[in-house]
Amino acid sequence: MAFDRFSTVLSAEATILLVGFAGPSRGRVANLLRSDRVSVLAADDPQAALTVVTDQAIDLVILDERTCGSSAYDFCRTSAVEGGPSILLLAARDDVVSQIVALEVGADEVLPADVDDRLLGAQVRARLRRTRRPTPPTVASGRWSIDSETRMATGPNGTRVELARHQVRLMQVFLAHPGEVITAERLAEQIPDMCLEPAAFRTAMSRLRRRLAPLDSREFLRIVRGRGYVHLPS
């Protein structure tokens, strides 16, 4: 099976994806992290994880390098280019060079694979807290709106769709600045911890546009050639 769902809480604030993990360690870590506000999924390997990340709203990926091998680094590279969720890598080797390599290929944080469960739980909670900003629950522009608590985007025709947490933050920026061109640099000013390279910025915007396409025949975002993207409510 490609992935397992350890929690079916519909109102979860965050969703974590565990990738790899051998035997009972998967269930142990899932039990450690899940709560009434956190849903935990698990993928057998990085290839299955790429499918889950595309189809599900994932906030944090935890990769176990011991079971994923070098494909863990491939996943980090792909996710970084495509503007995917944050990645916490549990490194098979506890040395500085390995940690540097992991960070440079796209991991957001690196911990030794034998990290104490209490420290892992604290690190995960801290990373999830950093993604939460004191923004209004609902931001609207014209007949478009996004609810940051439920992560549901609503279009002009009333249709709704759930977004990944990073997509919620992207949409909030455009709703707060209608008619203004948003570039990768402007996005970094609005969301300091979301500094995307040009290719990653374009990929993130493309994914957001595809996700919002069913909400209305008119595009939420329009491309401004050579500059960035703009949201025109009318």
C-alpha atoms as a PDB file:
ATOM      1  CA  MET A   1       0.000   0.000   0.000  1.00  0.00           C
ATOM      2  CA  ALA A   2       1.355   3.411  -0.944  1.00  0.00           C
ATOM      3  CA  PHE A   3       0.531   5.106   2.329  1.00  0.00           C
ATOM      4  CA  ASP A   4      -1.252   4.633   5.619  1.00  0.00           C
ATOM      5  CA  ARG A   5      -3.453   7.073   7.471  1.00  0.00           C
ATOM      6  CA  PHE A   6      -2.824   6.923  11.211  1.00  0.00           C
ATOM      7  CA  SER A   7      -5.404   9.571  12.070  1.00  0.00           C
ATOM      8  CA  THR A   8      -8.773  10.397  10.519  1.00  0.00           C
ATOM      9  CA  VAL A   9      -9.260  13.692  12.337  1.00  0.00           C
ATOM     10  CA  LEU A  10     -10.955  15.988   9.816  1.00  0.00           C
ATOM     11  CA  SER A  11     -10.297  19.197  11.724  1.00  0.00           C
ATOM     12  CA  ALA A  12      -6.543  18.660  12.067  1.00  0.00           C
ATOM     13  CA  GLU A  13      -4.498  21.840  11.931  1.00  0.00           C
ATOM     14  CA  ALA A  14      -1.553  20.087  10.337  1.00  0.00           C
ATOM     15  CA  THR A  15      -0.772  16.919   8.412  1.00  0.00           C
ATOM     16  CA  ILE A  16       2.583  15.160   8.709  1.00  0.00           C
ATOM     17  CA  LEU A  17       3.866  12.577   6.231  1.00  0.00           C
ATOM     18  CA  LEU A  18       6.292   9.921   7.476  1.00  0.00           C
ATOM     19  CA  VAL A  19       8.446   8.444   4.710  1.00  0.00           C
ATOM     20  CA  GLY A  20      10.190   5.113   5.203  1.00  0.00           C
ATOM     21  CA  PHE A  21      10.643   3.936   8.805  1.00  0.00           C
ATOM     22  CA  ALA A  22      11.188   0.245   9.399  1.00  0.00           C
ATOM     23  CA  GLY A  23       8.867  -2.122  11.242  1.00  0.00           C
ATOM     24  CA  PRO A  24       7.277  -0.852  14.459  1.00  0.00           C
ATOM     25  CA  SER A  25       9.186   2.445  14.388  1.00  0.00           C
ATOM     26  CA  ARG A  26       6.594   3.852  11.968  1.00  0.00           C
ATOM     27  CA  GLY A  27       3.753   3.270  14.369  1.00  0.00           C
ATOM     28  CA  ARG A  28       5.816   4.498  17.315  1.00  0.00           C
ATOM     29  CA  VAL A  29       6.660   7.810  15.646  1.00  0.00           C
ATOM     30  CA  ALA A  30       3.098   8.212  14.365  1.00  0.00           C
ATOM     31  CA  ASN A  31       1.736   7.732  17.896  1.00  0.00           C
ATOM     32  CA  LEU A  32       4.281  10.228  19.170  1.00  0.00           C
ATOM     33  CA  LEU A  33       3.241  12.966  16.741  1.00  0.00           C
ATOM     34  CA  ARG A  34      -0.469  12.547  16.144  1.00  0.00           C
ATOM     35  CA  SER A  35      -3.057  14.374  18.214  1.00  0.00           C
ATOM     36  CA  ASP A  36      -6.514  15.859  17.831  1.00  0.00           C
ATOM     37  CA  ARG A  37      -4.821  18.703  15.899  1.00  0.00           C
ATOM     38  CA  VAL A  38      -2.267  16.699  13.919  1.00  0.00           C
ATOM     39  CA  SER A  39      -2.987  14.009  11.341  1.00  0.00           C
ATOM     40  CA  VAL A  40      -0.206  11.582  10.396  1.00  0.00           C
ATOM     41  CA  LEU A  41       0.184   9.744   7.083  1.00  0.00           C
ATOM     42  CA  ALA A  42       2.945   7.336   6.079  1.00  0.00           C
ATOM     43  CA  ALA A  43       4.478   6.446   2.712  1.00  0.00           C
ATOM     44  CA  ASP A  44       6.610   3.376   2.103  1.00  0.00           C
ATOM     45  CA  ASP A  45       9.263   5.202   0.113  1.00  0.00           C
ATOM     46  CA  PRO A  46      10.087   8.626  -1.416  1.00  0.00           C
ATOM     47  CA  GLN A  47       8.491   7.713  -4.755  1.00  0.00           C
ATOM     48  CA  ALA A  48       5.165   6.985  -3.065  1.00  0.00           C
ATOM     49  CA  ALA A  49       5.635  10.127  -0.989  1.00  0.00           C
ATOM     50  CA  LEU A  50       5.799  12.299  -4.124  1.00  0.00           C
ATOM     51  CA  THR A  51       2.343  11.042  -5.088  1.00  0.00           C
ATOM     52  CA  VAL A  52       0.966  11.699  -1.610  1.00  0.00           C
ATOM     53  CA  VAL A  53       2.409  15.233  -1.526  1.00  0.00           C
ATOM     54  CA  THR A  54       0.767  15.965  -4.880  1.00  0.00           C
ATOM     55  CA  ASP A  55      -2.638  14.605  -3.854  1.00  0.00           C
ATOM     56  CA  GLN A  56      -2.787  15.551  -0.166  1.00  0.00           C
ATOM     57  CA  ALA A  57      -2.357  18.765   1.814  1.00  0.00           C
ATOM     58  CA  ILE A  58       0.925  18.005   3.628  1.00  0.00           C
ATOM     59  CA  ASP A  59       2.565  20.452   6.043  1.00  0.00           C
ATOM     60  CA  LEU A  60       5.686  18.541   7.066  1.00  0.00           C
ATOM     61  CA  VAL A  61       7.525  15.532   5.642  1.00  0.00           C
ATOM     62  CA  ILE A  62       9.767  13.456   7.918  1.00  0.00           C
ATOM     63  CA  LEU A  63      12.223  11.307   5.949  1.00  0.00           C
ATOM     64  CA  ASP A  64      14.062   8.351   7.484  1.00  0.00           C
ATOM     65  CA  GLU A  65      17.330   8.124   5.541  1.00  0.00           C
ATOM     66  CA  ARG A  66      18.115   4.705   7.020  1.00  0.00           C
ATOM     67  CA  THR A  67      15.258   3.100   5.108  1.00  0.00           C
ATOM     68  CA  CYS A  68      15.081   5.498   2.140  1.00  0.00           C
ATOM     69  CA  GLY A  69      18.790   5.595   1.266  1.00  0.00           C
ATOM     70  CA  SER A  70      19.965   8.059  -1.376  1.00  0.00           C
ATOM     71  CA  SER A  71      16.412   8.448  -2.714  1.00  0.00           C
ATOM     72  CA  ALA A  72      15.754  10.615   0.352  1.00  0.00           C
ATOM     73  CA  TYR A  73      18.067  13.230  -1.150  1.00  0.00           C
ATOM     74  CA  ASP A  74      16.322  12.936  -4.527  1.00  0.00           C
ATOM     75  CA  PHE A  75      13.022  13.642  -2.795  1.00  0.00           C
ATOM     76  CA  CYS A  76      14.516  16.716  -1.095  1.00  0.00           C
ATOM     77  CA  ARG A  77      15.771  18.066  -4.433  1.00  0.00           C
ATOM     78  CA  THR A  78      12.432  17.531  -6.176  1.00  0.00           C
ATOM     79  CA  SER A  79      10.414  19.030  -3.334  1.00  0.00           C
ATOM     80  CA  ALA A  80      12.686  22.089  -3.124  1.00  0.00           C
ATOM     81  CA  VAL A  81      12.340  22.769  -6.852  1.00  0.00           C
ATOM     82  CA  GLU A  82       8.569  22.311  -6.816  1.00  0.00           C
ATOM     83  CA  GLY A  83       7.947  24.397  -3.692  1.00  0.00           C
ATOM     84  CA  GLY A  84       6.754  21.456  -1.611  1.00  0.00           C
ATOM     85  CA  PRO A  85       6.213  21.185   2.152  1.00  0.00           C
ATOM     86  CA  SER A  86       8.924  21.507   4.806  1.00  0.00           C
ATOM     87  CA  ILE A  87      11.221  18.503   5.168  1.00  0.00           C
ATOM     88  CA  LEU A  88      12.812  17.137   8.327  1.00  0.00           C
ATOM     89  CA  LEU A  89      15.458  14.530   7.488  1.00  0.00           C
ATOM     90  CA  LEU A  90      16.483  11.899  10.007  1.00  0.00           C
ATOM     91  CA  ALA A  91      20.068  11.334   8.860  1.00  0.00           C
ATOM     92  CA  ALA A  92      21.656   7.895   8.853  1.00  0.00           C
ATOM     93  CA  ARG A  93      25.063   9.428   9.651  1.00  0.00           C
ATOM     94  CA  ASP A  94      25.622  11.921  12.413  1.00  0.00           C
ATOM     95  CA  ASP A  95      28.401  14.032  10.887  1.00  0.00           C
ATOM     96  CA  VAL A  96      28.592  17.663   9.839  1.00  0.00           C
ATOM     97  CA  VAL A  97      29.264  16.977   6.146  1.00  0.00           C
ATOM     98  CA  SER A  98      26.174  14.773   5.793  1.00  0.00           C
ATOM     99  CA  GLN A  99      24.033  17.399   7.491  1.00  0.00           C
ATOM    100  CA  ILE A 100      25.344  20.147   5.219  1.00  0.00           C
ATOM    101  CA  VAL A 101      24.679  18.058   2.096  1.00  0.00           C
ATOM    102  CA  ALA A 102      21.122  17.316   3.246  1.00  0.00           C
ATOM    103  CA  LEU A 103      20.411  20.997   3.867  1.00  0.00           C
ATOM    104  CA  GLU A 104      21.898  22.031   0.541  1.00  0.00           C
ATOM    105  CA  VAL A 105      19.786  19.570  -1.474  1.00  0.00           C
ATOM    106  CA  GLY A 106      16.546  20.826   0.095  1.00  0.00           C
ATOM    107  CA  ALA A 107      15.996  19.559   3.641  1.00  0.00           C
ATOM    108  CA  ASP A 108      14.797  22.260   6.042  1.00  0.00           C
ATOM    109  CA  GLU A 109      16.136  20.558   9.138  1.00  0.00           C
ATOM    110  CA  VAL A 110      18.379  17.557   9.885  1.00  0.00           C
ATOM    111  CA  LEU A 111      18.382  15.405  13.009  1.00  0.00           C
ATOM    112  CA  PRO A 112      20.219  12.145  13.758  1.00  0.00           C
ATOM    113  CA  ALA A 113      18.065   9.101  13.021  1.00  0.00           C
ATOM    114  CA  ASP A 114      18.407   7.908  16.632  1.00  0.00           C
ATOM    115  CA  VAL A 115      17.147  11.229  18.017  1.00  0.00           C
ATOM    116  CA  ASP A 116      15.322  11.024  21.329  1.00  0.00           C
ATOM    117  CA  ASP A 117      11.559  10.798  20.808  1.00  0.00           C
ATOM    118  CA  ARG A 118      10.952  13.752  23.110  1.00  0.00           C
ATOM    119  CA  LEU A 119      13.339  15.956  21.144  1.00  0.00           C
ATOM    120  CA  LEU A 120      11.826  14.853  17.826  1.00  0.00           C
ATOM    121  CA  GLY A 121       8.354  15.732  19.074  1.00  0.00           C
ATOM    122  CA  ALA A 122       9.529  19.129  20.314  1.00  0.00           C
ATOM    123  CA  GLN A 123      11.310  19.893  17.026  1.00  0.00           C
ATOM    124  CA  VAL A 124       8.223  18.968  15.004  1.00  0.00           C
ATOM    125  CA  ARG A 125       5.945  21.131  17.155  1.00  0.00           C
ATOM    126  CA  ALA A 126       8.376  24.037  16.871  1.00  0.00           C
ATOM    127  CA  ARG A 127       8.530  23.734  13.074  1.00  0.00           C
ATOM    128  CA  LEU A 128       4.747  23.615  12.791  1.00  0.00           C
ATOM    129  CA  ARG A 129       4.460  26.683  15.027  1.00  0.00           C
ATOM    130  CA  ARG A 130       6.790  28.624  12.732  1.00  0.00           C
ATOM    131  CA  THR A 131       4.374  28.122   9.852  1.00  0.00           C
ATOM    132  CA  ARG A 132       1.541  29.750  11.787  1.00  0.00           C
ATOM    133  CA  ARG A 133       1.281  33.510  11.468  1.00  0.00           C
ATOM    134  CA  PRO A 134      -1.118  35.869  13.299  1.00  0.00           C
ATOM    135  CA  THR A 135      -3.288  36.422  10.217  1.00  0.00           C
ATOM    136  CA  PRO A 136      -7.077  36.728  10.164  1.00  0.00           C
ATOM    137  CA  PRO A 137      -8.827  33.338   9.844  1.00  0.00           C
ATOM    138  CA  THR A 138     -10.485  34.442   6.613  1.00  0.00           C
ATOM    139  CA  VAL A 139      -8.956  36.681   3.949  1.00  0.00           C
ATOM    140  CA  ALA A 140     -11.103  37.724   0.981  1.00  0.00           C
ATOM    141  CA  SER A 141     -10.854  39.682  -2.240  1.00  0.00           C
ATOM    142  CA  GLY A 142     -13.893  40.068  -4.420  1.00  0.00           C
ATOM    143  CA  ARG A 143     -15.681  36.718  -4.290  1.00  0.00           C
ATOM    144  CA  TRP A 144     -12.487  34.775  -3.575  1.00  0.00           C
ATOM    145  CA  SER A 145     -11.625  33.845   0.021  1.00  0.00           C
ATOM    146  CA  ILE A 146      -9.403  31.536   2.050  1.00  0.00           C
ATOM    147  CA  ASP A 147      -9.971  30.287   5.588  1.00  0.00           C
ATOM    148  CA  SER A 148      -6.592  29.630   7.197  1.00  0.00           C
ATOM    149  CA  GLU A 149      -8.091  27.497   9.966  1.00  0.00           C
ATOM    150  CA  THR A 150      -9.854  25.003   7.700  1.00  0.00           C
ATOM    151  CA  ARG A 151      -7.507  25.651   4.719  1.00  0.00           C
ATOM    152  CA  MET A 152     -10.565  25.834   2.475  1.00  0.00           C
ATOM    153  CA  ALA A 153     -10.453  28.191  -0.517  1.00  0.00           C
ATOM    154  CA  THR A 154     -13.756  29.437  -1.907  1.00  0.00           C
ATOM    155  CA  GLY A 155     -14.204  30.693  -5.471  1.00  0.00           C
ATOM    156  CA  PRO A 156     -16.735  33.029  -7.105  1.00  0.00           C
ATOM    157  CA  ASN A 157     -19.069  30.141  -7.883  1.00  0.00           C
ATOM    158  CA  GLY A 158     -19.118  28.996  -4.241  1.00  0.00           C
ATOM    159  CA  THR A 159     -17.082  25.863  -4.893  1.00  0.00           C
ATOM    160  CA  ARG A 160     -14.504  25.037  -2.219  1.00  0.00           C
ATOM    161  CA  VAL A 161     -11.204  23.154  -2.248  1.00  0.00           C
ATOM    162  CA  GLU A 162      -8.677  22.332   0.468  1.00  0.00           C
ATOM    163  CA  LEU A 163      -5.159  23.723   0.054  1.00  0.00           C
ATOM    164  CA  ALA A 164      -1.826  22.725   1.536  1.00  0.00           C
ATOM    165  CA  ARG A 165      -0.715  25.048   4.324  1.00  0.00           C
ATOM    166  CA  HIS A 166       1.983  26.709   2.210  1.00  0.00           C
ATOM    167  CA  GLN A 167      -0.611  27.266  -0.548  1.00  0.00           C
ATOM    168  CA  VAL A 168      -2.901  28.961   1.986  1.00  0.00           C
ATOM    169  CA  ARG A 169      -0.102  31.389   2.820  1.00  0.00           C
ATOM    170  CA  LEU A 170       0.543  32.045  -0.882  1.00  0.00           C
ATOM    171  CA  MET A 171      -3.120  32.723  -1.575  1.00  0.00           C
ATOM    172  CA  GLN A 172      -3.338  35.081   1.421  1.00  0.00           C
ATOM    173  CA  VAL A 173      -0.569  37.231  -0.051  1.00  0.00           C
ATOM    174  CA  PHE A 174      -2.420  37.650  -3.358  1.00  0.00           C
ATOM    175  CA  LEU A 175      -5.774  38.293  -1.675  1.00  0.00           C
ATOM    176  CA  ALA A 176      -4.175  40.970   0.509  1.00  0.00           C
ATOM    177  CA  HIS A 177      -2.592  42.690  -2.511  1.00  0.00           C
ATOM    178  CA  PRO A 178      -5.114  42.521  -5.390  1.00  0.00           C
ATOM    179  CA  GLY A 179      -3.921  44.074  -8.623  1.00  0.00           C
ATOM    180  CA  GLU A 180      -0.280  44.096  -7.459  1.00  0.00           C
ATOM    181  CA  VAL A 181       2.369  42.025  -9.212  1.00  0.00           C
ATOM    182  CA  ILE A 182       3.919  39.500  -6.833  1.00  0.00           C
ATOM    183  CA  THR A 183       7.450  38.392  -7.647  1.00  0.00           C
ATOM    184  CA  ALA A 184       9.640  35.877  -5.809  1.00  0.00           C
ATOM    185  CA  GLU A 185      11.352  38.810  -4.079  1.00  0.00           C
ATOM    186  CA  ARG A 186       8.033  40.404  -3.074  1.00  0.00           C
ATOM    187  CA  LEU A 187       6.826  37.054  -1.746  1.00  0.00           C
ATOM    188  CA  ALA A 188       9.960  36.743   0.418  1.00  0.00           C
ATOM    189  CA  GLU A 189       9.206  40.187   1.864  1.00  0.00           C
ATOM    190  CA  GLN A 190       5.680  39.111   2.782  1.00  0.00           C
ATOM    191  CA  ILE A 191       6.650  35.627   4.004  1.00  0.00           C
ATOM    192  CA  PRO A 192      10.290  35.752   5.170  1.00  0.00           C
ATOM    193  CA  ASP A 193      10.604  32.002   5.636  1.00  0.00           C
ATOM    194  CA  MET A 194       9.393  31.289   2.090  1.00  0.00           C
ATOM    195  CA  CYS A 195      12.377  32.344  -0.014  1.00  0.00           C
ATOM    196  CA  LEU A 196      11.963  30.489  -3.310  1.00  0.00           C
ATOM    197  CA  GLU A 197      14.360  30.330  -6.216  1.00  0.00           C
ATOM    198  CA  PRO A 198      12.782  31.479  -9.530  1.00  0.00           C
ATOM    199  CA  ALA A 199      12.125  27.907 -10.711  1.00  0.00           C
ATOM    200  CA  ALA A 200      10.605  26.890  -7.370  1.00  0.00           C
ATOM    201  CA  PHE A 201       8.489  30.082  -7.336  1.00  0.00           C
ATOM    202  CA  ARG A 202       7.085  29.328 -10.799  1.00  0.00           C
ATOM    203  CA  THR A 203       6.357  25.731  -9.843  1.00  0.00           C
ATOM    204  CA  ALA A 204       4.597  26.765  -6.629  1.00  0.00           C
ATOM    205  CA  MET A 205       2.462  29.259  -8.554  1.00  0.00           C
ATOM    206  CA  SER A 206       1.644  26.660 -11.215  1.00  0.00           C
ATOM    207  CA  ARG A 207       0.516  24.196  -8.568  1.00  0.00           C
ATOM    208  CA  LEU A 208      -1.625  26.825  -6.839  1.00  0.00           C
ATOM    209  CA  ARG A 209      -3.273  27.801 -10.121  1.00  0.00           C
ATOM    210  CA  ARG A 210      -4.064  24.155 -10.933  1.00  0.00           C
ATOM    211  CA  ARG A 211      -5.456  23.604  -7.458  1.00  0.00           C
ATOM    212  CA  LEU A 212      -7.750  26.638  -7.732  1.00  0.00           C
ATOM    213  CA  ALA A 213      -8.798  26.023 -11.357  1.00  0.00           C
ATOM    214  CA  PRO A 214     -12.016  24.097 -10.467  1.00  0.00           C
ATOM    215  CA  LEU A 215     -13.318  27.048  -8.416  1.00  0.00           C
ATOM    216  CA  ASP A 216     -14.032  29.269 -11.396  1.00  0.00           C
ATOM    217  CA  SER A 217     -13.411  29.379 -15.132  1.00  0.00           C
ATOM    218  CA  ARG A 218     -11.588  32.694 -14.673  1.00  0.00           C
ATOM    219  CA  GLU A 219      -8.061  32.369 -13.408  1.00  0.00           C
ATOM    220  CA  PHE A 220      -7.276  33.417  -9.852  1.00  0.00           C
ATOM    221  CA  LEU A 221      -3.735  34.286 -10.913  1.00  0.00           C
ATOM    222  CA  ARG A 222      -2.534  35.761 -14.183  1.00  0.00           C
ATOM    223  CA  ILE A 223       1.013  35.645 -15.434  1.00  0.00           C
ATOM    224  CA  VAL A 224       2.802  38.934 -15.934  1.00  0.00           C
ATOM    225  CA  ARG A 225       5.507  37.993 -18.420  1.00  0.00           C
ATOM    226  CA  GLY A 226       9.022  38.516 -17.140  1.00  0.00           C
ATOM    227  CA  ARG A 227       7.811  39.760 -13.751  1.00  0.00           C
ATOM    228  CA  GLY A 228       5.528  37.549 -11.692  1.00  0.00           C
ATOM    229  CA  TYR A 229       1.842  36.965 -11.013  1.00  0.00           C
ATOM    230  CA  VAL A 230      -1.176  39.149 -10.243  1.00  0.00           C
ATOM    231  CA  HIS A 231      -4.618  38.531  -8.786  1.00  0.00           C
ATOM    232  CA  LEU A 232      -7.392  40.587 -10.379  1.00  0.00           C
ATOM    233  CA  PRO A 233     -10.636  40.113  -8.414  1.00  0.00           C
ATOM    234  CA  SER A 234     -12.821  41.462 -11.213  1.00  0.00           C
END
